[in-house]
Protein backbone atom coordinates (compact mmCIF):
# COMPACT_ATOMS: atom_id res chain seq x y z
CA MET A 1 1.21 1.16 19.23
CA ARG A 2 0.54 2.57 15.77
CA ARG A 3 2.36 -0.32 14.09
CA TYR A 4 -0.11 -2.80 15.53
CA CYS A 5 -3.07 -0.81 14.24
CA CYS A 6 -1.55 -0.68 10.76
CA ALA A 7 -0.98 -4.43 10.80
CA ALA A 8 -4.59 -4.97 11.85
CA PHE A 9 -5.90 -2.78 9.02
CA LEU A 10 -3.71 -4.51 6.45
CA ALA A 11 -4.78 -7.92 7.74
CA GLU A 12 -8.41 -6.85 7.42
CA ILE A 13 -7.82 -5.64 3.86
CA TRP A 14 -6.26 -8.97 2.89
CA ARG A 15 -8.92 -11.00 4.71
CA GLY A 16 -11.61 -9.11 2.83
CA CYS A 17 -9.87 -9.70 -0.49
CA ILE A 18 -9.60 -13.42 0.19
CA GLU A 19 -13.28 -13.54 1.10
CA ALA A 20 -14.12 -11.62 -2.09
CA VAL A 21 -13.00 -14.55 -4.21
CA PRO A 22 -16.27 -16.11 -5.41
CA ARG A 23 -17.46 -19.22 -3.58
CA GLY A 24 -17.66 -21.09 -6.89
CA GLN A 25 -13.88 -20.84 -7.21
CA TRP A 26 -13.46 -22.58 -3.86
CA GLU A 27 -16.01 -25.25 -4.75
CA SER A 28 -14.53 -25.96 -8.16
CA SER A 29 -11.03 -26.33 -6.70
CA ALA A 30 -12.41 -28.67 -4.03
CA SER A 31 -14.11 -30.73 -6.74
CA LEU A 32 -10.69 -31.15 -8.38
CA ALA A 33 -9.50 -32.77 -5.14
CA MET A 34 -7.11 -29.95 -4.30
CA THR A 35 -5.86 -29.67 -0.76
CA ARG A 36 -6.54 -26.49 1.17
CA ALA A 37 -2.96 -25.31 0.56
CA GLN A 38 -3.30 -25.95 -3.18
CA GLN A 39 -6.60 -24.07 -3.24
CA TYR A 40 -4.94 -21.05 -1.68
CA ARG A 41 -1.79 -21.25 -3.80
CA TYR A 42 -3.28 -21.83 -7.23
CA ILE A 43 -6.82 -20.47 -7.07
CA VAL A 44 -7.53 -18.06 -4.23
CA LEU A 45 -4.35 -16.05 -3.60
CA PRO A 46 -3.70 -15.08 -7.24
CA GLN A 47 -7.20 -13.61 -7.43
CA ALA A 48 -6.97 -12.04 -3.98
CA CYS A 49 -3.63 -10.41 -4.86
CA ARG A 50 -5.21 -8.67 -7.85
CA LEU A 51 -8.01 -7.39 -5.64
CA ALA A 52 -5.71 -6.32 -2.79
CA ILE A 53 -3.32 -4.10 -4.74
CA SER A 54 -5.41 -0.93 -4.71
CA PRO A 55 -6.52 -0.93 -1.07
CA THR A 56 -3.08 -1.99 0.18
CA VAL A 57 -1.23 0.75 -1.69
CA GLY A 58 -3.92 3.27 -0.79
CA PHE A 59 -3.47 2.43 2.87
CA CYS A 60 0.32 2.67 2.55
CA VAL A 61 -0.04 6.16 1.03
CA GLN A 62 -2.30 7.09 3.94
CA ILE A 63 0.33 5.86 6.40
CA VAL A 64 3.00 7.97 4.69
CA LYS A 65 0.80 11.06 4.81
CA ASN A 66 -0.30 10.59 8.42
CA THR A 67 2.96 9.60 10.06
CA SER A 68 6.47 10.85 10.10
CA VAL A 69 8.98 9.34 7.76
CA THR A 70 11.64 8.99 10.43
CA SER A 71 12.62 5.54 9.25
CA ILE A 72 13.61 6.97 5.86
CA ILE A 73 14.91 10.42 6.73
CA GLY A 74 16.49 9.91 10.15
CA PHE A 75 15.61 10.91 13.68
CA VAL A 76 13.96 14.20 12.82
CA GLU A 77 10.58 14.28 11.11
CA LEU A 78 10.52 15.89 7.67
CA THR A 79 8.30 18.80 8.67
CA LYS A 80 10.32 19.43 11.82
CA ALA A 81 13.46 19.53 9.68
CA GLY A 82 11.68 21.98 7.39
CA THR A 83 10.83 24.18 10.36
CA MET A 84 14.41 24.14 11.59
CA ILE A 85 15.78 25.01 8.14
CA SER A 86 13.16 27.72 7.71
CA ASN A 87 14.12 29.27 11.06
CA THR A 88 17.79 29.39 10.15
CA THR A 89 17.47 30.56 6.53
CA PHE A 90 14.39 32.81 6.93
CA ARG A 91 13.03 31.36 3.67
CA PRO A 92 9.87 29.46 4.67
CA LEU A 93 8.27 29.42 1.20
CA GLU A 94 11.16 27.64 -0.46
CA THR A 95 11.74 25.32 2.50
CA PHE A 96 8.16 24.15 2.89
CA GLY A 97 7.76 24.00 -0.88
CA LEU A 98 10.60 21.48 -0.90
CA VAL A 99 9.06 19.59 2.04
CA ALA A 100 5.73 19.42 0.17
CA LEU A 101 7.56 18.23 -2.95
CA LEU A 102 9.25 15.44 -0.97
CA TYR A 103 5.92 14.31 0.49
CA PHE A 104 4.38 14.43 -2.98
CA LEU A 105 7.20 12.34 -4.45
CA LEU A 106 6.76 9.72 -1.73
CA CYS A 107 3.03 9.43 -2.29
CA TRP A 108 3.22 9.70 -6.08
CA SER A 109 5.82 6.95 -6.34
CA LEU A 110 3.62 4.63 -4.27
CA SER A 111 0.64 5.44 -6.48
CA ALA A 112 2.67 4.88 -9.64
CA LEU A 113 3.81 1.53 -8.27
CA SER A 114 0.18 0.64 -7.60
CA ARG A 115 -0.85 1.58 -11.13
CA HIS A 116 1.99 -0.50 -12.58
CA LEU A 117 1.10 -3.53 -10.45
CA GLU A 118 -2.59 -3.26 -11.34
CA ASN A 119 -1.77 -3.11 -15.04
CA HIS A 120 0.62 -6.03 -14.71
CA PHE A 121 -1.79 -8.28 -12.82
CA ASN A 122 -4.84 -7.34 -14.90
CA ALA A 123 -3.13 -7.75 -18.28
CA PRO A 124 -4.42 -11.32 -18.89
CA TYR A 125 -7.99 -10.20 -18.11
CA ARG A 126 -8.27 -7.36 -20.61
CA ASN A 127 -10.44 -7.78 -23.68
C-alpha cells in the first residue's frame, strides 16, 4: 500500500513542476508550430527536470528515513538487525552507532547526488 502512496506523491511533485513552467514558454513553443510532444521534449521537460530535482530527492530521503531498507539489506530491517546484534554482543552503543552511521550514509549520499544534479543542470544558468 505504501508504494502506491509514494508514487502518488512523486507524481504530484512532477505535475507541479511541469505546471511551474511559465505559460509564456508554452505559448512561444506553440507559436513556433511545435507539436505537443515537441513542446514537452524540447521546452517543458528540461525546465521541469531542473525544478523537480530538489523535491524528488528530498522525498526519496524521507522515504529512506521513514521505511525499512529491506530491499537493500535483506529480509531483516536495519534497526531490527541492530537490536539482534546488540542483544548478542551486549554492546548497544557501538551497534546502534553503526546503524545510525549506515542511515546517515544512505541519506547523505542521496543529498550529495541531489546537490551534484542541481549544479549540473543549473550550470548554464549561472551568471
